[in-house]
Amino acid sequence: MRPRLVTLASDVGAAYAAQMKAALIRDGVPPSRIVDLAHDLPAHGIREGAFLLREMARSFPPFCVHVAVVDPGVGGRRRAIVIETRRGPFLVGPDNGVLAPLADELGARRAFALGAGPRRSVDRVGTTFDGRDLFAPAAALLARGVRPSALGPPVTPTSLALPRPARTADGARGEVLHVDRFGNLITNVPSAWVGPGTVSLGVALGRSRARRVPWATSYESLGRGTVGALGSSFGLVELAVGEGRASDRLRAGVGARVRLRWRRRRAPRGEKAKSARPRKAG
């Protein structure tokens, strides 16, 4: 049987990620079965990392082991866990909530604490890198067919709910979930909520005054240096600056509250009056 795919997502950077991959390969996972999702997740950013992990891993096939390392509590009291999901993938990482949104998406079934099961191939070195010394060896065992229940006792994993947006009479309220490498502000407001024919949005971030910005179809249509909003590849409303950084321009980051109001395109003159005329019977 071919080993499961093992995906890696972390905030540890390339040098530490290479050590995780070495542990996987040493424990029998072929390099062709290892997929790097990202190793530049925001340092210590559990909630932002949880959002990105869900978005990156949700479309992978069921025969995967997803390893996530955003772990500011490494070496402390937080547990290391594996979560078994109804849709098939196993999730491995710290029990600090970073796995929770993906587990909810895939249907969490059972969770087990790591460390009391089969012996790892290498001893733990220090207390600061469970990604290499614990998570990768556990993922290798799972990839080769070991059941999660063999790795430790059952536990109830820590929950983490991402903030939910709310509709309002003329728009929505939400929050910035992610700032990407271009400085775009990804909100949690679905872009599908913005009605057809919308040409502009009123945008207020935090306690700042609202500004009206164009609702664009592309970065190019914004124009260089123009602040605007558009539907992101996440299916969420994104605030952007053409060839610039919205996070700098708007002085906002992850967790900033956002208030959106949208305005629909006005009907051409005469069209509204024409459509309002009663039709003759017959």
Protein backbone atom coordinates (compact mmCIF):
# COMPACT_ATOMS: atom_id res chain seq x y z
CA MET A 1 0.00 0.00 0.00
CA ARG A 2 1.34 3.43 -0.93
CA PRO A 3 1.77 5.77 2.05
CA ARG A 4 -0.71 8.58 2.48
CA LEU A 5 0.26 12.03 1.29
CA VAL A 6 1.72 14.14 4.09
CA THR A 7 1.21 17.90 3.86
CA LEU A 8 3.19 20.40 5.91
CA ALA A 9 2.04 23.87 6.94
CA SER A 10 4.02 25.93 9.43
CA ASP A 11 5.45 29.23 10.56
CA VAL A 12 8.96 27.79 10.97
CA GLY A 13 10.61 28.76 7.66
CA ALA A 14 12.55 26.67 5.17
CA ALA A 15 15.47 25.53 7.35
CA TYR A 16 13.28 24.00 10.05
CA ALA A 17 10.84 22.63 7.47
CA ALA A 18 13.71 20.73 5.85
CA GLN A 19 14.34 18.96 9.16
CA MET A 20 10.68 17.92 9.33
CA LYS A 21 10.91 16.48 5.82
CA ALA A 22 14.10 14.63 6.73
CA ALA A 23 12.27 13.01 9.67
CA LEU A 24 9.43 11.93 7.40
CA ILE A 25 11.76 10.47 4.79
CA ARG A 26 13.83 8.68 7.44
CA ASP A 27 10.62 7.12 8.77
CA GLY A 28 9.58 5.73 5.39
CA VAL A 29 7.59 8.46 3.65
CA PRO A 30 8.91 8.90 0.08
CA PRO A 31 9.75 12.50 -0.91
CA SER A 32 7.11 12.26 -3.65
CA ARG A 33 4.45 11.82 -0.95
CA ILE A 34 5.36 15.03 0.92
CA VAL A 35 3.64 18.29 -0.04
CA ASP A 36 4.71 21.69 1.32
CA LEU A 37 1.65 23.91 1.76
CA ALA A 38 3.42 26.88 3.35
CA HIS A 39 6.19 27.57 5.83
CA ASP A 40 5.71 31.33 6.02
CA LEU A 41 2.51 31.39 8.07
CA PRO A 42 2.43 34.36 10.46
CA ALA A 43 4.73 33.60 13.41
CA HIS A 44 2.69 32.55 16.46
CA GLY A 45 -0.52 33.48 14.56
CA ILE A 46 -2.76 30.62 15.64
CA ARG A 47 -6.06 32.02 14.37
CA GLU A 48 -4.69 33.31 11.07
CA GLY A 49 -2.80 30.04 10.62
CA ALA A 50 -5.98 28.08 11.34
CA PHE A 51 -7.83 30.02 8.64
CA LEU A 52 -5.07 29.48 6.09
CA LEU A 53 -4.67 25.79 6.93
CA ARG A 54 -8.37 25.26 6.34
CA GLU A 55 -8.28 27.09 3.03
CA MET A 56 -5.12 25.30 1.82
CA ALA A 57 -6.00 21.76 2.89
CA ARG A 58 -9.76 21.57 2.45
CA SER A 59 -9.59 20.46 -1.21
CA PHE A 60 -6.94 17.77 -0.84
CA PRO A 61 -7.97 14.13 -1.34
CA PRO A 62 -9.01 12.03 1.67
CA PHE A 63 -5.80 9.93 1.85
CA CYS A 64 -3.75 12.69 3.51
CA VAL A 65 -2.07 13.45 6.81
CA HIS A 66 -2.07 17.20 7.35
CA VAL A 67 0.65 18.43 9.73
CA ALA A 68 0.39 21.97 11.07
CA VAL A 69 3.06 23.69 13.17
CA VAL A 70 2.04 27.08 14.55
CA ASP A 71 3.06 26.37 18.08
CA PRO A 72 3.94 29.22 20.46
CA GLY A 73 3.32 26.87 23.40
CA VAL A 74 5.84 24.23 22.29
CA GLY A 75 7.45 22.49 25.24
CA GLY A 76 4.77 23.74 27.60
CA ARG A 77 1.48 22.37 28.85
CA ARG A 78 -0.35 22.20 25.54
CA ARG A 79 -0.94 18.70 24.21
CA ALA A 80 0.16 17.23 20.89
CA ILE A 81 -2.72 15.53 19.10
CA VAL A 82 -3.96 13.68 16.04
CA ILE A 83 -7.55 14.20 14.88
CA GLU A 84 -9.32 11.57 12.82
CA THR A 85 -11.93 13.03 10.43
CA ARG A 86 -15.04 11.60 8.82
CA ARG A 87 -13.88 12.61 5.35
CA GLY A 88 -10.64 10.67 5.72
CA PRO A 89 -7.65 12.92 6.43
CA PHE A 90 -5.75 12.82 9.72
CA LEU A 91 -4.65 16.12 11.30
CA VAL A 92 -1.48 16.30 13.39
CA GLY A 93 -0.22 19.23 15.43
CA PRO A 94 -0.44 21.17 18.68
CA ASP A 95 -3.74 21.22 20.53
CA ASN A 96 -4.00 25.01 20.50
CA GLY A 97 -6.87 25.40 18.03
CA VAL A 98 -4.84 25.65 14.82
CA LEU A 99 -6.32 22.33 13.62
CA ALA A 100 -9.89 23.08 14.72
CA PRO A 101 -11.40 24.92 11.70
CA LEU A 102 -10.06 22.29 9.28
CA ALA A 103 -11.29 19.52 11.58
CA ASP A 104 -14.74 21.12 11.59
CA GLU A 105 -14.65 21.38 7.80
CA LEU A 106 -13.70 17.70 7.39
CA GLY A 107 -15.91 16.43 10.20
CA ALA A 108 -13.93 15.71 13.35
CA ARG A 109 -14.51 12.16 14.53
CA ARG A 110 -12.02 11.34 17.31
CA ALA A 111 -8.82 12.82 18.73
CA PHE A 112 -5.87 11.23 20.49
CA ALA A 113 -2.93 12.61 22.44
CA LEU A 114 0.50 11.87 20.96
CA GLY A 115 3.46 10.58 22.86
CA ALA A 116 2.18 7.41 24.50
CA GLY A 117 2.03 5.19 21.40
CA PRO A 118 4.70 3.44 19.29
CA ARG A 119 8.25 4.60 19.92
CA ARG A 120 9.49 7.36 17.64
CA SER A 121 12.49 6.70 15.39
CA VAL A 122 14.53 9.44 17.08
CA ASP A 123 14.60 10.83 20.59
CA ARG A 124 13.32 14.32 21.20
CA VAL A 125 16.10 16.90 21.01
CA GLY A 126 15.41 19.73 23.44
CA THR A 127 11.87 21.00 23.91
CA THR A 128 11.47 23.56 21.13
CA PHE A 129 10.78 21.61 17.93
CA ASP A 130 7.95 19.11 18.17
CA GLY A 131 7.39 19.58 14.44
CA ARG A 132 10.50 17.49 13.80
CA ASP A 133 10.68 15.39 16.96
CA LEU A 134 7.01 14.46 17.45
CA PHE A 135 4.60 15.58 14.74
CA ALA A 136 6.61 14.37 11.72
CA PRO A 137 7.33 10.89 13.19
CA ALA A 138 3.65 10.53 14.16
CA ALA A 139 2.59 11.60 10.66
CA ALA A 140 4.94 9.01 9.16
CA LEU A 141 3.34 6.27 11.25
CA LEU A 142 -0.13 7.37 10.15
CA ALA A 143 0.97 7.60 6.51
CA ARG A 144 2.20 3.99 6.69
CA GLY A 145 -1.08 2.68 8.06
CA VAL A 146 -0.88 2.93 11.86
CA ARG A 147 -4.27 3.85 13.30
CA PRO A 148 -4.56 7.10 15.30
CA SER A 149 -5.84 5.19 18.32
CA ALA A 150 -2.46 3.42 18.55
CA LEU A 151 -0.64 6.70 19.14
CA GLY A 152 -2.18 7.67 22.46
CA PRO A 153 -5.29 7.98 24.63
CA PRO A 154 -8.49 9.68 23.44
CA VAL A 155 -8.85 13.37 24.24
CA THR A 156 -11.23 16.23 23.53
CA PRO A 157 -9.40 18.72 21.28
CA THR A 158 -9.35 22.46 21.85
CA SER A 159 -11.94 24.31 19.80
CA LEU A 160 -11.34 27.50 17.87
CA ALA A 161 -14.16 29.23 16.02
CA LEU A 162 -13.21 31.78 13.39
CA PRO A 163 -15.24 35.00 13.66
CA ARG A 164 -18.48 35.04 11.70
CA PRO A 165 -19.68 37.99 9.63
CA ALA A 166 -23.14 39.51 10.11
CA ARG A 167 -25.47 40.97 7.51
CA THR A 168 -26.87 44.44 8.06
CA ALA A 169 -29.68 46.29 6.34
CA ASP A 170 -27.28 47.92 3.87
CA GLY A 171 -24.20 45.72 4.00
CA ALA A 172 -22.26 43.65 6.51
CA ARG A 173 -20.01 43.69 9.55
CA GLY A 174 -16.96 41.50 9.76
CA GLU A 175 -13.28 41.24 10.57
CA VAL A 176 -9.95 40.99 8.80
CA LEU A 177 -8.84 37.34 8.93
CA HIS A 178 -5.62 37.50 6.94
CA VAL A 179 -3.09 39.92 5.49
CA ASP A 180 -1.42 38.31 2.50
CA ARG A 181 2.13 38.95 1.28
CA PHE A 182 0.90 41.78 -0.95
CA GLY A 183 -0.70 43.59 1.97
CA ASN A 184 -4.25 42.78 0.87
CA LEU A 185 -6.76 42.62 3.73
CA ILE A 186 -8.89 39.46 3.51
CA THR A 187 -12.12 39.89 5.46
CA ASN A 188 -14.54 37.20 6.57
CA VAL A 189 -17.44 38.74 4.60
CA PRO A 190 -18.44 36.49 1.66
CA SER A 191 -18.07 38.30 -1.64
CA ALA A 192 -21.33 36.64 -2.74
CA TRP A 193 -23.12 38.89 -0.24
CA VAL A 194 -22.26 41.92 -2.34
CA GLY A 195 -25.22 42.18 -4.67
CA PRO A 196 -25.05 42.29 -8.48
CA GLY A 197 -24.80 45.78 -9.86
CA THR A 198 -22.78 47.08 -6.90
CA VAL A 199 -20.30 49.74 -8.01
CA SER A 200 -18.85 50.94 -4.71
CA LEU A 201 -18.58 50.08 -1.05
CA GLY A 202 -18.50 52.21 2.06
CA VAL A 203 -15.64 50.84 4.15
CA ALA A 204 -14.86 51.60 7.81
CA LEU A 205 -12.00 49.81 9.58
CA GLY A 206 -11.86 49.84 13.35
CA ARG A 207 -12.68 53.32 14.59
CA SER A 208 -11.65 55.06 11.40
CA ARG A 209 -14.11 57.11 9.38
CA ALA A 210 -15.86 55.39 6.51
CA ARG A 211 -14.56 55.93 2.99
CA ARG A 212 -16.20 54.99 -0.28
CA VAL A 213 -14.12 52.78 -2.56
CA PRO A 214 -14.81 51.13 -5.92
CA TRP A 215 -16.03 47.53 -6.07
CA ALA A 216 -13.56 46.26 -8.65
CA THR A 217 -13.37 43.19 -10.86
CA SER A 218 -9.55 43.03 -10.91
CA TYR A 219 -6.44 44.70 -9.50
CA GLU A 220 -5.83 46.23 -12.91
CA SER A 221 -9.26 47.87 -12.96
CA LEU A 222 -8.44 49.57 -9.64
CA GLY A 223 -5.58 51.51 -11.08
CA ARG A 224 -2.21 52.04 -9.46
CA GLY A 225 -2.43 53.47 -5.95
CA THR A 226 -6.22 53.30 -5.75
CA VAL A 227 -7.88 51.80 -2.68
CA GLY A 228 -10.69 49.44 -3.55
CA ALA A 229 -12.50 46.21 -2.75
CA LEU A 230 -13.00 43.06 -4.76
CA GLY A 231 -13.87 39.41 -4.38
CA SER A 232 -10.77 37.46 -3.34
CA SER A 233 -9.75 33.96 -4.38
CA PHE A 234 -11.00 32.83 -0.95
CA GLY A 235 -14.53 33.90 -1.94
CA LEU A 236 -14.32 36.72 0.62
CA VAL A 237 -14.29 40.51 0.32
CA GLU A 238 -10.73 41.79 0.03
CA LEU A 239 -9.50 45.34 0.51
CA ALA A 240 -6.61 46.16 -1.78
CA VAL A 241 -4.52 48.95 -3.27
CA GLY A 242 -3.56 48.76 -6.91
CA GLU A 243 0.15 47.79 -6.93
CA GLY A 244 0.33 48.81 -3.28
CA ARG A 245 -0.28 47.55 0.25
CA ALA A 246 -3.72 48.07 1.76
CA SER A 247 -2.45 47.07 5.21
CA ASP A 248 -0.06 50.03 5.19
CA ARG A 249 -2.36 52.48 3.48
CA LEU A 250 -5.34 51.71 5.72
CA ARG A 251 -3.23 51.02 8.82
CA ALA A 252 -5.07 47.79 9.56
CA GLY A 253 -4.18 44.18 10.22
CA VAL A 254 -5.58 40.86 11.36
CA GLY A 255 -8.42 41.32 13.82
CA ALA A 256 -9.43 44.77 12.59
CA ARG A 257 -13.19 45.15 12.54
CA VAL A 258 -14.69 46.15 9.23
CA ARG A 259 -18.04 47.71 8.34
CA LEU A 260 -19.16 47.49 4.72
CA ARG A 261 -22.02 49.27 2.98
CA TRP A 262 -22.76 48.77 -0.67
CA ARG A 263 -24.48 50.88 -3.27
CA ARG A 264 -26.10 49.46 -6.37
CA ARG A 265 -25.71 50.87 -9.88
CA ARG A 266 -28.46 53.37 -10.72
CA ALA A 267 -30.76 52.49 -13.59
CA PRO A 268 -30.38 54.70 -16.70
CA ARG A 269 -32.75 57.63 -16.95
CA GLY A 270 -36.15 56.66 -18.23
CA GLU A 271 -35.60 52.95 -17.56
CA LYS A 272 -37.06 53.09 -14.06
CA ALA A 273 -40.06 55.13 -15.17
CA LYS A 274 -40.59 52.82 -18.15
CA SER A 275 -40.49 49.69 -15.99
CA ALA A 276 -42.95 51.30 -13.58
CA ARG A 277 -45.65 51.91 -16.22
CA PRO A 278 -48.62 49.56 -15.83
CA ARG A 279 -49.03 47.20 -18.76
CA LYS A 280 -52.26 47.16 -20.71
CA ALA A 281 -54.42 44.09 -20.20
CA GLY A 282 -54.79 41.72 -23.11
